[in-house]
Amino acid sequence: MSQFDQKIDVAGLGKVAVLMGGASSEREVSLMSGGGVLQALRARGVDAHAFDPSQSDLSELKSHGYARCFIALHGRHGEDGTVQGALELLGIPYTGPGVMASAIAMDKIMTKRIWRFEGLPTPDWRLVASADETAQAFQALGAPMIVKPSREGSTLGLTKVTSIGQCQQAYQLAARFDPEVLCEQFIDGDETTCPVLGQGEGAQALPVIRIVAPEGNYDYQNKYFTDLTQYHCPSGLPEAEERAIQELVVRSFRTLGCRGWARADVMVRKSDRQPFLLEINTSPGMTGHSLVPLSARSAGISYEDLCLRILADASLDALQGRAQPQD
């Protein structure tokens, strides 16, 4: 893990804003993530301050002298490229992927289209716009089927459909969060997730986490607010399977043009142990229940050092290998 042992000039990071809260449906989780990050950065001597974009105008970042931002926002206007675009215009480096990669990764359908085009395995799916189309998708994809909003996170609006009679209610729930609704073939097997740190050829996967949720129901409540879900890291999977998942996740990260950090969710089909990419999160949770810190700990990286390393990698699209304008 030598790549993660970089020396960081804490004083050189300058005044840092931890963006948290926001106006998305994941505000509550974002405040938890941001609070943890803020405490961790301060513990490492960073001049870090909380900044809630729903309470203060982003232009204040410039006028108040912030040198970089740690994005601990989740969901819309946090990891969908919009905040990233605003920070590009302000010229303030930020953590995580850039504008395009963030926007694509937030849209599960666009993500799956690109992965499929690049030959990366992802479950079959249908984009639907009505309850009738959801029923047609169920007939095409078979049972069980996952119905979820295309541009939402944290399993909000998700239903596991086992009979055609559930299609209308499942569609209506998902459509409350997003007019674009994704119907996805259910993969029966081990649920895993794997973070990536770095960029380009230097991107490296952290250890895989195997998730065992009560009755296989890894929903919003079991993600953030109960202690019933089991997270196995080390995963307990055969070494070759773990390595295959890590390689697939790094490929998925690079394919979308991600940088900094992200976490991809992968199902391993029970019948033949084939891994399938579900989605990639470009501003993963950093709460006490969150998985990137758990994986990092398994690799010998503390929560505080993880936050510091993510912050040190803050960048701008404008700095990615392009000639800079001369003064």
C-alpha atoms as a PDB file:
ATOM      1  CA  MET A   1       0.000   0.000   0.000  1.00  0.00           C
ATOM      2  CA  SER A   2       2.970   2.277  -0.546  1.00  0.00           C
ATOM      3  CA  GLN A   3       0.925   4.484  -2.834  1.00  0.00           C
ATOM      4  CA  PHE A   4      -1.191   5.529   0.131  1.00  0.00           C
ATOM      5  CA  ASP A   5       1.819   6.441   2.282  1.00  0.00           C
ATOM      6  CA  GLN A   6       2.375   9.867   0.732  1.00  0.00           C
ATOM      7  CA  LYS A   7       3.687  12.686   2.907  1.00  0.00           C
ATOM      8  CA  ILE A   8       1.167  15.509   3.167  1.00  0.00           C
ATOM      9  CA  ASP A   9       2.011  19.134   3.929  1.00  0.00           C
ATOM     10  CA  VAL A  10      -0.960  19.944   6.174  1.00  0.00           C
ATOM     11  CA  ALA A  11      -0.191  23.661   6.380  1.00  0.00           C
ATOM     12  CA  GLY A  12      -0.001  23.796   2.585  1.00  0.00           C
ATOM     13  CA  LEU A  13      -3.615  22.615   2.287  1.00  0.00           C
ATOM     14  CA  GLY A  14      -4.813  26.065   3.404  1.00  0.00           C
ATOM     15  CA  LYS A  15      -8.276  26.917   4.668  1.00  0.00           C
ATOM     16  CA  VAL A  16     -10.642  24.026   3.945  1.00  0.00           C
ATOM     17  CA  ALA A  17     -14.441  23.941   3.643  1.00  0.00           C
ATOM     18  CA  VAL A  18     -16.176  20.655   4.408  1.00  0.00           C
ATOM     19  CA  LEU A  19     -19.335  20.836   2.293  1.00  0.00           C
ATOM     20  CA  MET A  20     -22.141  19.054   4.140  1.00  0.00           C
ATOM     21  CA  GLY A  21     -25.898  19.050   4.493  1.00  0.00           C
ATOM     22  CA  GLY A  22     -27.262  20.496   1.274  1.00  0.00           C
ATOM     23  CA  ALA A  23     -30.838  20.191   0.095  1.00  0.00           C
ATOM     24  CA  SER A  24     -30.978  16.603  -1.198  1.00  0.00           C
ATOM     25  CA  SER A  25     -33.001  13.735   0.261  1.00  0.00           C
ATOM     26  CA  GLU A  26     -29.719  12.516   1.798  1.00  0.00           C
ATOM     27  CA  ARG A  27     -29.152  15.689   3.860  1.00  0.00           C
ATOM     28  CA  GLU A  28     -29.314  13.817   7.172  1.00  0.00           C
ATOM     29  CA  VAL A  29     -26.613  11.341   6.159  1.00  0.00           C
ATOM     30  CA  SER A  30     -24.483  14.130   4.657  1.00  0.00           C
ATOM     31  CA  LEU A  31     -24.482  16.013   7.966  1.00  0.00           C
ATOM     32  CA  MET A  32     -23.289  12.828   9.685  1.00  0.00           C
ATOM     33  CA  SER A  33     -20.562  12.293   7.064  1.00  0.00           C
ATOM     34  CA  GLY A  34     -19.457  15.915   7.128  1.00  0.00           C
ATOM     35  CA  GLY A  35     -19.320  16.032  10.915  1.00  0.00           C
ATOM     36  CA  GLY A  36     -16.998  13.024  10.972  1.00  0.00           C
ATOM     37  CA  VAL A  37     -14.758  14.424   8.231  1.00  0.00           C
ATOM     38  CA  LEU A  38     -14.562  17.836   9.903  1.00  0.00           C
ATOM     39  CA  GLN A  39     -13.522  16.319  13.224  1.00  0.00           C
ATOM     40  CA  ALA A  40     -10.953  14.073  11.529  1.00  0.00           C
ATOM     41  CA  LEU A  41      -9.329  16.873   9.527  1.00  0.00           C
ATOM     42  CA  ARG A  42      -9.116  19.129  12.567  1.00  0.00           C
ATOM     43  CA  ALA A  43      -7.522  16.263  14.508  1.00  0.00           C
ATOM     44  CA  ARG A  44      -4.791  16.231  11.847  1.00  0.00           C
ATOM     45  CA  GLY A  45      -4.225  19.965  12.156  1.00  0.00           C
ATOM     46  CA  VAL A  46      -6.171  21.104   9.082  1.00  0.00           C
ATOM     47  CA  ASP A  47      -7.834  24.543   9.201  1.00  0.00           C
ATOM     48  CA  ALA A  48     -11.225  23.008   8.369  1.00  0.00           C
ATOM     49  CA  HIS A  49     -14.685  24.571   8.663  1.00  0.00           C
ATOM     50  CA  ALA A  50     -18.240  23.332   8.098  1.00  0.00           C
ATOM     51  CA  PHE A  51     -20.059  24.819   5.089  1.00  0.00           C
ATOM     52  CA  ASP A  52     -23.693  24.022   4.254  1.00  0.00           C
ATOM     53  CA  PRO A  53     -24.586  25.087   0.677  1.00  0.00           C
ATOM     54  CA  SER A  54     -28.275  25.172   1.589  1.00  0.00           C
ATOM     55  CA  GLN A  55     -27.536  27.823   4.255  1.00  0.00           C
ATOM     56  CA  SER A  56     -24.745  29.840   2.591  1.00  0.00           C
ATOM     57  CA  ASP A  57     -24.092  30.888  -1.013  1.00  0.00           C
ATOM     58  CA  LEU A  58     -21.197  29.048  -2.653  1.00  0.00           C
ATOM     59  CA  SER A  59     -19.680  32.384  -3.696  1.00  0.00           C
ATOM     60  CA  GLU A  60     -18.804  32.874  -0.007  1.00  0.00           C
ATOM     61  CA  LEU A  61     -16.173  30.149  -0.407  1.00  0.00           C
ATOM     62  CA  LYS A  62     -14.140  32.554  -2.530  1.00  0.00           C
ATOM     63  CA  SER A  63     -14.771  35.671  -0.465  1.00  0.00           C
ATOM     64  CA  HIS A  64     -13.932  33.825   2.770  1.00  0.00           C
ATOM     65  CA  GLY A  65     -10.606  32.584   1.415  1.00  0.00           C
ATOM     66  CA  TYR A  66     -11.148  28.820   1.175  1.00  0.00           C
ATOM     67  CA  ALA A  67      -8.305  27.081  -0.668  1.00  0.00           C
ATOM     68  CA  ARG A  68     -10.019  23.716  -1.210  1.00  0.00           C
ATOM     69  CA  CYS A  69     -13.233  21.800  -0.469  1.00  0.00           C
ATOM     70  CA  PHE A  70     -13.921  18.351   0.906  1.00  0.00           C
ATOM     71  CA  ILE A  71     -17.269  17.352  -0.619  1.00  0.00           C
ATOM     72  CA  ALA A  72     -19.247  15.407   1.985  1.00  0.00           C
ATOM     73  CA  LEU A  73     -22.544  16.084   0.203  1.00  0.00           C
ATOM     74  CA  HIS A  74     -24.620  13.131  -1.008  1.00  0.00           C
ATOM     75  CA  GLY A  75     -27.264  12.907  -3.722  1.00  0.00           C
ATOM     76  CA  ARG A  76     -28.441  15.716  -5.962  1.00  0.00           C
ATOM     77  CA  HIS A  77     -26.532  18.987  -6.031  1.00  0.00           C
ATOM     78  CA  GLY A  78     -23.746  17.198  -4.176  1.00  0.00           C
ATOM     79  CA  GLU A  79     -22.401  14.356  -6.287  1.00  0.00           C
ATOM     80  CA  ASP A  80     -24.131  14.966  -9.620  1.00  0.00           C
ATOM     81  CA  GLY A  81     -21.636  17.419 -11.113  1.00  0.00           C
ATOM     82  CA  THR A  82     -23.478  20.624 -10.158  1.00  0.00           C
ATOM     83  CA  VAL A  83     -21.409  21.578  -7.099  1.00  0.00           C
ATOM     84  CA  GLN A  84     -18.323  20.368  -8.934  1.00  0.00           C
ATOM     85  CA  GLY A  85     -19.135  22.738 -11.820  1.00  0.00           C
ATOM     86  CA  ALA A  86     -19.629  25.667  -9.450  1.00  0.00           C
ATOM     87  CA  LEU A  87     -16.277  24.966  -7.794  1.00  0.00           C
ATOM     88  CA  GLU A  88     -14.621  24.788 -11.234  1.00  0.00           C
ATOM     89  CA  LEU A  89     -15.917  28.282 -11.969  1.00  0.00           C
ATOM     90  CA  LEU A  90     -14.731  29.503  -8.579  1.00  0.00           C
ATOM     91  CA  GLY A  91     -11.342  27.863  -9.162  1.00  0.00           C
ATOM     92  CA  ILE A  92     -11.411  26.016  -5.818  1.00  0.00           C
ATOM     93  CA  PRO A  93     -10.040  22.433  -5.928  1.00  0.00           C
ATOM     94  CA  TYR A  94     -12.416  19.791  -4.555  1.00  0.00           C
ATOM     95  CA  THR A  95     -12.340  16.141  -3.583  1.00  0.00           C
ATOM     96  CA  GLY A  96     -13.639  13.312  -5.747  1.00  0.00           C
ATOM     97  CA  PRO A  97     -14.386  13.015  -9.456  1.00  0.00           C
ATOM     98  CA  GLY A  98     -14.886  15.985 -11.765  1.00  0.00           C
ATOM     99  CA  VAL A  99     -18.000  17.398 -13.410  1.00  0.00           C
ATOM    100  CA  MET A 100     -18.576  14.842 -16.160  1.00  0.00           C
ATOM    101  CA  ALA A 101     -17.674  11.737 -14.146  1.00  0.00           C
ATOM    102  CA  SER A 102     -19.848  12.896 -11.240  1.00  0.00           C
ATOM    103  CA  ALA A 103     -22.819  13.613 -13.503  1.00  0.00           C
ATOM    104  CA  ILE A 104     -22.570  10.262 -15.297  1.00  0.00           C
ATOM    105  CA  ALA A 105     -22.040   8.214 -12.134  1.00  0.00           C
ATOM    106  CA  MET A 106     -25.099   9.805 -10.489  1.00  0.00           C
ATOM    107  CA  ASP A 107     -27.217   8.604 -13.418  1.00  0.00           C
ATOM    108  CA  LYS A 108     -27.371   4.811 -13.058  1.00  0.00           C
ATOM    109  CA  ILE A 109     -28.721   4.332 -16.575  1.00  0.00           C
ATOM    110  CA  MET A 110     -25.962   6.367 -18.259  1.00  0.00           C
ATOM    111  CA  THR A 111     -23.407   4.541 -16.097  1.00  0.00           C
ATOM    112  CA  LYS A 112     -24.744   1.140 -17.168  1.00  0.00           C
ATOM    113  CA  ARG A 113     -24.813   2.170 -20.836  1.00  0.00           C
ATOM    114  CA  ILE A 114     -21.132   3.112 -20.714  1.00  0.00           C
ATOM    115  CA  TRP A 115     -20.132   0.005 -18.770  1.00  0.00           C
ATOM    116  CA  ARG A 116     -22.052  -2.213 -21.188  1.00  0.00           C
ATOM    117  CA  PHE A 117     -20.461  -0.460 -24.190  1.00  0.00           C
ATOM    118  CA  GLU A 118     -17.011  -1.019 -22.657  1.00  0.00           C
ATOM    119  CA  GLY A 119     -17.760  -4.704 -22.050  1.00  0.00           C
ATOM    120  CA  LEU A 120     -18.016  -4.488 -18.259  1.00  0.00           C
ATOM    121  CA  PRO A 121     -20.622  -6.826 -16.713  1.00  0.00           C
ATOM    122  CA  THR A 122     -23.744  -5.162 -15.290  1.00  0.00           C
ATOM    123  CA  PRO A 123     -27.242  -6.669 -14.824  1.00  0.00           C
ATOM    124  CA  ASP A 124     -29.753  -6.342 -17.674  1.00  0.00           C
ATOM    125  CA  TRP A 125     -32.139  -3.408 -17.278  1.00  0.00           C
ATOM    126  CA  ARG A 126     -35.006  -1.400 -18.733  1.00  0.00           C
ATOM    127  CA  LEU A 127     -35.736   2.316 -18.473  1.00  0.00           C
ATOM    128  CA  VAL A 128     -39.466   2.737 -17.756  1.00  0.00           C
ATOM    129  CA  ALA A 129     -41.874   5.674 -17.649  1.00  0.00           C
ATOM    130  CA  SER A 130     -45.075   4.067 -16.317  1.00  0.00           C
ATOM    131  CA  ALA A 131     -46.442   1.243 -14.197  1.00  0.00           C
ATOM    132  CA  ASP A 132     -47.418  -0.619 -17.388  1.00  0.00           C
ATOM    133  CA  GLU A 133     -43.862  -0.425 -18.708  1.00  0.00           C
ATOM    134  CA  THR A 134     -42.640  -1.664 -15.311  1.00  0.00           C
ATOM    135  CA  ALA A 135     -44.899  -4.712 -15.684  1.00  0.00           C
ATOM    136  CA  GLN A 136     -43.513  -5.291 -19.200  1.00  0.00           C
ATOM    137  CA  ALA A 137     -39.976  -5.039 -17.826  1.00  0.00           C
ATOM    138  CA  PHE A 138     -40.857  -7.610 -15.169  1.00  0.00           C
ATOM    139  CA  GLN A 139     -42.003 -10.027 -17.860  1.00  0.00           C
ATOM    140  CA  ALA A 140     -38.776  -9.450 -19.814  1.00  0.00           C
ATOM    141  CA  LEU A 141     -36.282  -9.511 -16.914  1.00  0.00           C
ATOM    142  CA  GLY A 142     -37.975 -12.087 -14.700  1.00  0.00           C
ATOM    143  CA  ALA A 143     -38.370 -12.328 -10.942  1.00  0.00           C
ATOM    144  CA  PRO A 144     -37.077 -10.943  -8.710  1.00  0.00           C
ATOM    145  CA  MET A 145     -36.546  -7.495 -10.248  1.00  0.00           C
ATOM    146  CA  ILE A 146     -35.176  -4.318  -8.668  1.00  0.00           C
ATOM    147  CA  VAL A 147     -37.068  -1.080  -9.309  1.00  0.00           C
ATOM    148  CA  LYS A 148     -35.302   2.130  -8.316  1.00  0.00           C
ATOM    149  CA  PRO A 149     -34.863   5.801  -9.269  1.00  0.00           C
ATOM    150  CA  SER A 150     -32.122   6.344 -11.822  1.00  0.00           C
ATOM    151  CA  ARG A 151     -30.595   9.379 -10.105  1.00  0.00           C
ATOM    152  CA  GLU A 152     -30.881   8.760  -6.383  1.00  0.00           C
ATOM    153  CA  GLY A 153     -28.650   7.174  -3.774  1.00  0.00           C
ATOM    154  CA  SER A 154     -28.741   5.262  -0.489  1.00  0.00           C
ATOM    155  CA  THR A 155     -31.362   2.790  -1.822  1.00  0.00           C
ATOM    156  CA  LEU A 156     -34.038   5.491  -1.539  1.00  0.00           C
ATOM    157  CA  GLY A 157     -37.147   4.560  -3.533  1.00  0.00           C
ATOM    158  CA  LEU A 158     -35.942   0.998  -4.170  1.00  0.00           C
ATOM    159  CA  THR A 159     -38.245  -2.049  -4.284  1.00  0.00           C
ATOM    160  CA  LYS A 160     -37.458  -5.721  -4.843  1.00  0.00           C
ATOM    161  CA  VAL A 161     -40.371  -6.938  -6.961  1.00  0.00           C
ATOM    162  CA  THR A 162     -41.289 -10.624  -6.827  1.00  0.00           C
ATOM    163  CA  SER A 163     -44.733 -10.561  -8.491  1.00  0.00           C
ATOM    164  CA  ILE A 164     -46.316  -8.551 -11.283  1.00  0.00           C
ATOM    165  CA  GLY A 165     -48.885  -7.193  -8.832  1.00  0.00           C
ATOM    166  CA  GLN A 166     -46.144  -5.202  -7.089  1.00  0.00           C
ATOM    167  CA  CYS A 167     -45.071  -3.331 -10.224  1.00  0.00           C
ATOM    168  CA  GLN A 168     -47.458  -0.381  -9.922  1.00  0.00           C
ATOM    169  CA  GLN A 169     -46.570   0.424  -6.312  1.00  0.00           C
ATOM    170  CA  ALA A 170     -42.844  -0.064  -6.993  1.00  0.00           C
ATOM    171  CA  TYR A 171     -42.959   2.301  -9.966  1.00  0.00           C
ATOM    172  CA  GLN A 172     -44.885   4.949  -8.047  1.00  0.00           C
ATOM    173  CA  LEU A 173     -42.404   4.851  -5.167  1.00  0.00           C
ATOM    174  CA  ALA A 174     -39.364   5.194  -7.446  1.00  0.00           C
ATOM    175  CA  ALA A 175     -41.020   7.934  -9.527  1.00  0.00           C
ATOM    176  CA  ARG A 176     -41.476  10.025  -6.372  1.00  0.00           C
ATOM    177  CA  PHE A 177     -37.694  10.457  -6.371  1.00  0.00           C
ATOM    178  CA  ASP A 178     -36.996  10.646 -10.121  1.00  0.00           C
ATOM    179  CA  PRO A 179     -39.072  10.609 -13.336  1.00  0.00           C
ATOM    180  CA  GLU A 180     -36.484   8.216 -14.787  1.00  0.00           C
ATOM    181  CA  VAL A 181     -37.094   4.784 -13.249  1.00  0.00           C
ATOM    182  CA  LEU A 182     -34.706   1.866 -13.664  1.00  0.00           C
ATOM    183  CA  CYS A 183     -35.860  -1.755 -13.669  1.00  0.00           C
ATOM    184  CA  GLU A 184     -32.917  -4.087 -13.142  1.00  0.00           C
ATOM    185  CA  GLN A 185     -32.489  -7.845 -13.204  1.00  0.00           C
ATOM    186  CA  PHE A 186     -31.841  -9.133  -9.683  1.00  0.00           C
ATOM    187  CA  ILE A 187     -28.545 -10.962  -9.211  1.00  0.00           C
ATOM    188  CA  ASP A 188     -28.799 -13.665  -6.551  1.00  0.00           C
ATOM    189  CA  GLY A 189     -25.532 -14.007  -4.665  1.00  0.00           C
ATOM    190  CA  ASP A 190     -23.040 -12.190  -2.467  1.00  0.00           C
ATOM    191  CA  GLU A 191     -23.404  -8.430  -2.110  1.00  0.00           C
ATOM    192  CA  THR A 192     -20.051  -6.643  -2.034  1.00  0.00           C
ATOM    193  CA  THR A 193     -18.639  -3.163  -2.257  1.00  0.00           C
ATOM    194  CA  CYS A 194     -15.122  -1.934  -2.933  1.00  0.00           C
ATOM    195  CA  PRO A 195     -13.568   1.553  -2.674  1.00  0.00           C
ATOM    196  CA  VAL A 196     -10.954   2.998  -5.016  1.00  0.00           C
ATOM    197  CA  LEU A 197      -8.400   5.704  -4.213  1.00  0.00           C
ATOM    198  CA  GLY A 198      -6.190   7.560  -6.674  1.00  0.00           C
ATOM    199  CA  GLN A 199      -6.397   8.426 -10.345  1.00  0.00           C
ATOM    200  CA  GLY A 200      -5.715   6.931 -13.769  1.00  0.00           C
ATOM    201  CA  GLU A 201      -3.013   4.281 -13.774  1.00  0.00           C
ATOM    202  CA  GLY A 202      -2.399   5.055 -10.094  1.00  0.00           C
ATOM    203  CA  ALA A 203      -5.965   4.169  -9.071  1.00  0.00           C
ATOM    204  CA  GLN A 204      -5.944   1.327  -6.563  1.00  0.00           C
ATOM    205  CA  ALA A 205      -8.707  -0.716  -4.941  1.00  0.00           C
ATOM    206  CA  LEU A 206      -8.974  -1.078  -1.186  1.00  0.00           C
ATOM    207  CA  PRO A 207     -10.115  -4.386   0.380  1.00  0.00           C
ATOM    208  CA  VAL A 208     -13.521  -5.759  -0.637  1.00  0.00           C
ATOM    209  CA  ILE A 209     -16.380  -5.696   1.901  1.00  0.00           C
ATOM    210  CA  ARG A 210     -19.016  -8.447   1.877  1.00  0.00           C
ATOM    211  CA  ILE A 211     -22.416  -7.236   3.100  1.00  0.00           C
ATOM    212  CA  VAL A 212     -24.905  -9.517   4.865  1.00  0.00           C
ATOM    213  CA  ALA A 213     -28.152  -7.638   5.558  1.00  0.00           C
ATOM    214  CA  PRO A 214     -31.170  -8.907   7.539  1.00  0.00           C
ATOM    215  CA  GLU A 215     -33.188 -11.108   5.147  1.00  0.00           C
ATOM    216  CA  GLY A 216     -31.014  -9.759   2.334  1.00  0.00           C
ATOM    217  CA  ASN A 217     -32.674  -6.340   2.673  1.00  0.00           C
ATOM    218  CA  TYR A 218     -29.895  -3.741   2.519  1.00  0.00           C
ATOM    219  CA  ASP A 219     -32.219  -0.723   2.606  1.00  0.00           C
ATOM    220  CA  TYR A 220     -31.838   2.867   3.862  1.00  0.00           C
ATOM    221  CA  GLN A 221     -32.668   1.912   7.454  1.00  0.00           C
ATOM    222  CA  ASN A 222     -30.267  -1.052   7.528  1.00  0.00           C
ATOM    223  CA  LYS A 223     -27.554   1.049   5.882  1.00  0.00           C
ATOM    224  CA  TYR A 224     -27.456   3.907   8.325  1.00  0.00           C
ATOM    225  CA  PHE A 225     -29.581   3.416  11.409  1.00  0.00           C
ATOM    226  CA  THR A 226     -29.368  -0.196  12.647  1.00  0.00           C
ATOM    227  CA  ASP A 227     -26.585  -2.506  13.737  1.00  0.00           C
ATOM    228  CA  LEU A 228     -28.166  -5.639  12.259  1.00  0.00           C
ATOM    229  CA  THR A 229     -26.295  -5.579   8.944  1.00  0.00           C
ATOM    230  CA  GLN A 230     -22.976  -7.472   8.974  1.00  0.00           C
ATOM    231  CA  TYR A 231     -19.947  -6.115   7.114  1.00  0.00           C
ATOM    232  CA  HIS A 232     -17.176  -8.627   6.520  1.00  0.00           C
ATOM    233  CA  CYS A 233     -13.751  -7.115   5.822  1.00  0.00           C
ATOM    234  CA  PRO A 234     -11.701  -9.156   5.093  1.00  0.00           C
ATOM    235  CA  SER A 235     -14.539 -10.348   2.882  1.00  0.00           C
ATOM    236  CA  GLY A 236     -13.975 -14.065   3.413  1.00  0.00           C
ATOM    237  CA  LEU A 237     -14.213 -14.589  -0.351  1.00  0.00           C
ATOM    238  CA  PRO A 238     -11.590 -16.696  -2.158  1.00  0.00           C
ATOM    239  CA  GLU A 239      -8.515 -14.624  -2.981  1.00  0.00           C
ATOM    240  CA  ALA A 240      -9.077 -14.950  -6.729  1.00  0.00           C
ATOM    241  CA  GLU A 241     -12.664 -13.666  -6.387  1.00  0.00           C
ATOM    242  CA  GLU A 242     -11.566 -10.703  -4.266  1.00  0.00           C
ATOM    243  CA  ARG A 243      -8.895  -9.819  -6.807  1.00  0.00           C
ATOM    244  CA  ALA A 244     -11.376 -10.104  -9.700  1.00  0.00           C
ATOM    245  CA  ILE A 245     -13.791  -7.739  -7.927  1.00  0.00           C
ATOM    246  CA  GLN A 246     -10.994  -5.242  -7.238  1.00  0.00           C
ATOM    247  CA  GLU A 247      -9.826  -5.326 -10.865  1.00  0.00           C
ATOM    248  CA  LEU A 248     -13.394  -4.863 -12.119  1.00  0.00           C
ATOM    249  CA  VAL A 249     -14.014  -1.934  -9.773  1.00  0.00           C
ATOM    250  CA  VAL A 250     -10.816  -0.157 -10.819  1.00  0.00           C
ATOM    251  CA  ARG A 251     -11.794  -0.622 -14.487  1.00  0.00           C
ATOM    252  CA  SER A 252     -15.259   0.765 -13.785  1.00  0.00           C
ATOM    253  CA  PHE A 253     -13.700   3.774 -12.022  1.00  0.00           C
ATOM    254  CA  ARG A 254     -11.313   4.535 -14.878  1.00  0.00           C
ATOM    255  CA  THR A 255     -13.943   3.959 -17.563  1.00  0.00           C
ATOM    256  CA  LEU A 256     -16.107   6.748 -16.151  1.00  0.00           C
ATOM    257  CA  GLY A 257     -13.103   9.064 -15.777  1.00  0.00           C
ATOM    258  CA  CYS A 258     -13.266   9.145 -11.980  1.00  0.00           C
ATOM    259  CA  ARG A 259     -10.483  10.508  -9.815  1.00  0.00           C
ATOM    260  CA  GLY A 260      -9.754  10.941  -6.116  1.00  0.00           C
ATOM    261  CA  TRP A 261     -12.046   8.335  -4.635  1.00  0.00           C
ATOM    262  CA  ALA A 262     -15.262   6.408  -5.164  1.00  0.00           C
ATOM    263  CA  ARG A 263     -16.918   3.150  -4.092  1.00  0.00           C
ATOM    264  CA  ALA A 264     -18.487   0.613  -6.455  1.00  0.00           C
ATOM    265  CA  ASP A 265     -21.170  -1.933  -5.551  1.00  0.00           C
ATOM    266  CA  VAL A 266     -20.809  -5.416  -7.019  1.00  0.00           C
ATOM    267  CA  MET A 267     -23.019  -8.523  -6.850  1.00  0.00           C
ATOM    268  CA  VAL A 268     -21.333 -11.915  -7.207  1.00  0.00           C
ATOM    269  CA  ARG A 269     -23.773 -14.360  -8.806  1.00  0.00           C
ATOM    270  CA  LYS A 270     -24.152 -17.507  -6.737  1.00  0.00           C
ATOM    271  CA  SER A 271     -24.552 -19.867  -9.692  1.00  0.00           C
ATOM    272  CA  ASP A 272     -21.226 -19.166 -11.427  1.00  0.00           C
ATOM    273  CA  ARG A 273     -19.446 -16.571  -9.185  1.00  0.00           C
ATOM    274  CA  GLN A 274     -19.597 -13.945 -11.953  1.00  0.00           C
ATOM    275  CA  PRO A 275     -19.305 -10.367 -10.569  1.00  0.00           C
ATOM    276  CA  PHE A 276     -21.748  -7.713 -11.817  1.00  0.00           C
ATOM    277  CA  LEU A 277     -21.363  -3.948 -11.349  1.00  0.00           C
ATOM    278  CA  LEU A 278     -24.456  -2.268  -9.912  1.00  0.00           C
ATOM    279  CA  GLU A 279     -23.416   1.372  -9.480  1.00  0.00           C
ATOM    280  CA  ILE A 280     -20.574   3.614  -8.385  1.00  0.00           C
ATOM    281  CA  ASN A 281     -20.751   6.245  -5.646  1.00  0.00           C
ATOM    282  CA  THR A 282     -18.542   9.294  -6.201  1.00  0.00           C
ATOM    283  CA  SER A 283     -19.161  10.896  -2.787  1.00  0.00           C
ATOM    284  CA  PRO A 284     -19.476   7.866  -0.512  1.00  0.00           C
ATOM    285  CA  GLY A 285     -20.714   8.058   3.052  1.00  0.00           C
ATOM    286  CA  MET A 286     -18.225   8.775   5.824  1.00  0.00           C
ATOM    287  CA  THR A 287     -20.468   8.052   8.833  1.00  0.00           C
ATOM    288  CA  GLY A 288     -19.896   5.578  11.657  1.00  0.00           C
ATOM    289  CA  HIS A 289     -21.712   2.961   9.542  1.00  0.00           C
ATOM    290  CA  SER A 290     -19.894   3.831   6.315  1.00  0.00           C
ATOM    291  CA  LEU A 291     -17.924   1.351   4.280  1.00  0.00           C
ATOM    292  CA  VAL A 292     -14.970   3.248   2.819  1.00  0.00           C
ATOM    293  CA  PRO A 293     -13.517   3.881   6.308  1.00  0.00           C
ATOM    294  CA  LEU A 294     -14.086   0.204   7.198  1.00  0.00           C
ATOM    295  CA  SER A 295     -12.214  -0.968   4.101  1.00  0.00           C
ATOM    296  CA  ALA A 296      -9.437   1.568   4.667  1.00  0.00           C
ATOM    297  CA  ARG A 297      -8.977   0.365   8.255  1.00  0.00           C
ATOM    298  CA  SER A 298      -8.495  -3.148   6.934  1.00  0.00           C
ATOM    299  CA  ALA A 299      -5.705  -1.757   4.745  1.00  0.00           C
ATOM    300  CA  GLY A 300      -4.077  -0.051   7.739  1.00  0.00           C
ATOM    301  CA  ILE A 301      -5.399   3.457   7.021  1.00  0.00           C
ATOM    302  CA  SER A 302      -7.096   5.274   9.905  1.00  0.00           C
ATOM    303  CA  TYR A 303     -10.257   7.357   9.414  1.00  0.00           C
ATOM    304  CA  GLU A 304      -8.269  10.559  10.015  1.00  0.00           C
ATOM    305  CA  ASP A 305      -5.535   9.624   7.535  1.00  0.00           C
ATOM    306  CA  LEU A 306      -8.143   8.564   4.972  1.00  0.00           C
ATOM    307  CA  CYS A 307      -9.845  11.981   5.169  1.00  0.00           C
ATOM    308  CA  LEU A 308      -6.496  13.745   4.920  1.00  0.00           C
ATOM    309  CA  ARG A 309      -5.425  11.739   1.866  1.00  0.00           C
ATOM    310  CA  ILE A 310      -8.726  12.317   0.064  1.00  0.00           C
ATOM    311  CA  LEU A 311      -8.396  16.047   0.798  1.00  0.00           C
ATOM    312  CA  ALA A 312      -4.782  16.141  -0.418  1.00  0.00           C
ATOM    313  CA  ASP A 313      -5.965  14.745  -3.783  1.00  0.00           C
ATOM    314  CA  ALA A 314      -8.452  17.623  -4.286  1.00  0.00           C
ATOM    315  CA  SER A 315      -8.211  18.939  -7.822  1.00  0.00           C
ATOM    316  CA  LEU A 316     -10.004  20.665 -10.690  1.00  0.00           C
ATOM    317  CA  ASP A 317     -10.925  19.432 -14.165  1.00  0.00           C
ATOM    318  CA  ALA A 318      -8.975  22.441 -15.430  1.00  0.00           C
ATOM    319  CA  LEU A 319      -5.788  20.981 -13.943  1.00  0.00           C
ATOM    320  CA  GLN A 320      -6.113  17.551 -15.550  1.00  0.00           C
ATOM    321  CA  GLY A 321      -3.245  17.558 -18.027  1.00  0.00           C
ATOM    322  CA  ARG A 322      -4.263  20.752 -19.774  1.00  0.00           C
ATOM    323  CA  ALA A 323      -2.055  23.707 -20.532  1.00  0.00           C
ATOM    324  CA  GLN A 324      -2.683  26.483 -18.033  1.00  0.00           C
ATOM    325  CA  PRO A 325      -3.293  30.035 -19.273  1.00  0.00           C
ATOM    326  CA  GLN A 326      -0.341  32.380 -18.985  1.00  0.00           C
ATOM    327  CA  ASP A 327      -0.668  35.534 -16.867  1.00  0.00           C
END
